Amino acid sequence: MRCRDWYGQAGYLKEFWGDIHSQLTYLHGSPQLTRSALDVQTDVIQFLSECSDKHFLDFVELVFRVTAGARLPYELVEDFNDF
């Protein structure tokens, strides 16, 4: 949710979720992460709400690797550390 809030406010929403979706689909070998995805953001968020801890941690790692993630503000990094 913190990523959704930050990237929505910062204007990077489409780029961030697109990059995350692309990386997760490659990781899982499927063009979609869930059955009822309307768009990439919904697909990722729905996947994250249902996935195992291991796959959620894959997402956390990817946040720091994707193109939009290169612009991670210090506050967001601190939020991840607190979590």
C-alpha atoms as a PDB file:
ATOM      1  CA  MET A   1       0.000   0.000   0.000  1.00  0.00           C
ATOM      2  CA  ARG A   2       2.871   2.353   0.726  1.00  0.00           C
ATOM      3  CA  CYS A   3       4.203   1.865  -2.814  1.00  0.00           C
ATOM      4  CA  ARG A   4       0.748   2.473  -4.232  1.00  0.00           C
ATOM      5  CA  ASP A   5       0.442   5.700  -2.267  1.00  0.00           C
ATOM      6  CA  TRP A   6       3.940   6.983  -3.071  1.00  0.00           C
ATOM      7  CA  TYR A   7       3.982   6.179  -6.764  1.00  0.00           C
ATOM      8  CA  GLY A   8       0.456   7.493  -7.225  1.00  0.00           C
ATOM      9  CA  GLN A   9       1.396  10.836  -5.667  1.00  0.00           C
ATOM     10  CA  ALA A  10       4.762  11.064  -7.378  1.00  0.00           C
ATOM     11  CA  GLY A  11       3.318  10.468 -10.849  1.00  0.00           C
ATOM     12  CA  TYR A  12       5.324   7.277 -11.455  1.00  0.00           C
ATOM     13  CA  LEU A  13       2.355   4.964 -10.974  1.00  0.00           C
ATOM     14  CA  LYS A  14       2.142   3.496 -14.470  1.00  0.00           C
ATOM     15  CA  GLU A  15       5.895   3.060 -14.873  1.00  0.00           C
ATOM     16  CA  PHE A  16       6.359   1.503 -11.434  1.00  0.00           C
ATOM     17  CA  TRP A  17       3.524  -1.042 -11.658  1.00  0.00           C
ATOM     18  CA  GLY A  18       4.411  -1.870 -15.259  1.00  0.00           C
ATOM     19  CA  ASP A  19       8.012  -2.605 -14.304  1.00  0.00           C
ATOM     20  CA  ILE A  20       7.009  -4.626 -11.238  1.00  0.00           C
ATOM     21  CA  HIS A  21       4.424  -6.580 -13.233  1.00  0.00           C
ATOM     22  CA  SER A  22       6.921  -7.368 -15.955  1.00  0.00           C
ATOM     23  CA  GLN A  23       9.522  -8.627 -13.481  1.00  0.00           C
ATOM     24  CA  LEU A  24       7.044 -10.728 -11.489  1.00  0.00           C
ATOM     25  CA  THR A  25       5.562 -12.324 -14.603  1.00  0.00           C
ATOM     26  CA  TYR A  26       9.051 -13.296 -15.798  1.00  0.00           C
ATOM     27  CA  LEU A  27       9.835 -14.662 -12.355  1.00  0.00           C
ATOM     28  CA  HIS A  28       6.653 -16.767 -12.324  1.00  0.00           C
ATOM     29  CA  GLY A  29       6.653 -17.669 -16.010  1.00  0.00           C
ATOM     30  CA  SER A  30       3.153 -16.405 -16.699  1.00  0.00           C
ATOM     31  CA  PRO A  31       1.851 -13.340 -18.579  1.00  0.00           C
ATOM     32  CA  GLN A  32      -0.639 -12.694 -15.750  1.00  0.00           C
ATOM     33  CA  LEU A  33      -0.259 -13.108 -12.006  1.00  0.00           C
ATOM     34  CA  THR A  34      -3.962 -13.609 -11.271  1.00  0.00           C
ATOM     35  CA  ARG A  35      -6.991 -14.755 -13.235  1.00  0.00           C
ATOM     36  CA  SER A  36      -9.069 -11.613 -13.029  1.00  0.00           C
ATOM     37  CA  ALA A  37      -6.575  -8.854 -13.764  1.00  0.00           C
ATOM     38  CA  LEU A  38      -8.069  -5.702 -15.246  1.00  0.00           C
ATOM     39  CA  ASP A  39      -4.715  -3.926 -15.573  1.00  0.00           C
ATOM     40  CA  VAL A  40      -1.124  -4.451 -14.418  1.00  0.00           C
ATOM     41  CA  GLN A  41      -1.533  -2.534 -11.154  1.00  0.00           C
ATOM     42  CA  THR A  42      -4.618  -4.536 -10.189  1.00  0.00           C
ATOM     43  CA  ASP A  43      -2.886  -7.765 -11.191  1.00  0.00           C
ATOM     44  CA  VAL A  44       0.126  -7.045  -8.972  1.00  0.00           C
ATOM     45  CA  ILE A  45      -1.878  -5.804  -5.987  1.00  0.00           C
ATOM     46  CA  GLN A  46      -4.254  -8.763  -6.142  1.00  0.00           C
ATOM     47  CA  PHE A  47      -1.288 -11.142  -6.442  1.00  0.00           C
ATOM     48  CA  LEU A  48       0.420  -9.545  -3.443  1.00  0.00           C
ATOM     49  CA  SER A  49      -2.710  -9.840  -1.317  1.00  0.00           C
ATOM     50  CA  GLU A  50      -2.852 -13.607  -1.949  1.00  0.00           C
ATOM     51  CA  CYS A  51       0.758 -14.741  -2.422  1.00  0.00           C
ATOM     52  CA  SER A  52       3.107 -16.509  -0.033  1.00  0.00           C
ATOM     53  CA  ASP A  53       5.583 -14.591   2.101  1.00  0.00           C
ATOM     54  CA  LYS A  54       8.396 -15.705  -0.198  1.00  0.00           C
ATOM     55  CA  HIS A  55       6.733 -14.143  -3.233  1.00  0.00           C
ATOM     56  CA  PHE A  56       5.919 -10.978  -1.299  1.00  0.00           C
ATOM     57  CA  LEU A  57       9.596 -10.662  -0.410  1.00  0.00           C
ATOM     58  CA  ASP A  58      10.383 -11.030  -4.129  1.00  0.00           C
ATOM     59  CA  PHE A  59       8.219  -7.938  -4.645  1.00  0.00           C
ATOM     60  CA  VAL A  60      10.051  -6.016  -1.912  1.00  0.00           C
ATOM     61  CA  GLU A  61      13.379  -6.859  -3.562  1.00  0.00           C
ATOM     62  CA  LEU A  62      12.078  -5.817  -6.985  1.00  0.00           C
ATOM     63  CA  VAL A  63      10.983  -2.421  -5.664  1.00  0.00           C
ATOM     64  CA  PHE A  64      14.656  -1.536  -5.367  1.00  0.00           C
ATOM     65  CA  ARG A  65      15.536  -2.822  -8.850  1.00  0.00           C
ATOM     66  CA  VAL A  66      12.889  -1.506 -11.220  1.00  0.00           C
ATOM     67  CA  THR A  67      13.371   1.665 -13.238  1.00  0.00           C
ATOM     68  CA  ALA A  68      10.943   3.705 -11.158  1.00  0.00           C
ATOM     69  CA  GLY A  69      12.573   2.248  -8.037  1.00  0.00           C
ATOM     70  CA  ALA A  70      15.753   4.141  -8.863  1.00  0.00           C
ATOM     71  CA  ARG A  71      13.843   7.184  -7.670  1.00  0.00           C
ATOM     72  CA  LEU A  72      12.978   5.749  -4.274  1.00  0.00           C
ATOM     73  CA  PRO A  73      12.823   8.564  -1.773  1.00  0.00           C
ATOM     74  CA  TYR A  74      14.586   8.162   1.546  1.00  0.00           C
ATOM     75  CA  GLU A  75      11.221   8.203   3.365  1.00  0.00           C
ATOM     76  CA  LEU A  76      10.025   5.150   1.455  1.00  0.00           C
ATOM     77  CA  VAL A  77      13.257   3.270   2.178  1.00  0.00           C
ATOM     78  CA  GLU A  78      12.811   4.067   5.865  1.00  0.00           C
ATOM     79  CA  ASP A  79       9.234   2.775   5.719  1.00  0.00           C
ATOM     80  CA  PHE A  80      10.514  -0.512   4.275  1.00  0.00           C
ATOM     81  CA  ASN A  81      13.148  -0.745   6.995  1.00  0.00           C
ATOM     82  CA  ASP A  82      10.549  -0.136   9.707  1.00  0.00           C
ATOM     83  CA  PHE A  83       8.267  -2.755   8.204  1.00  0.00           C
END
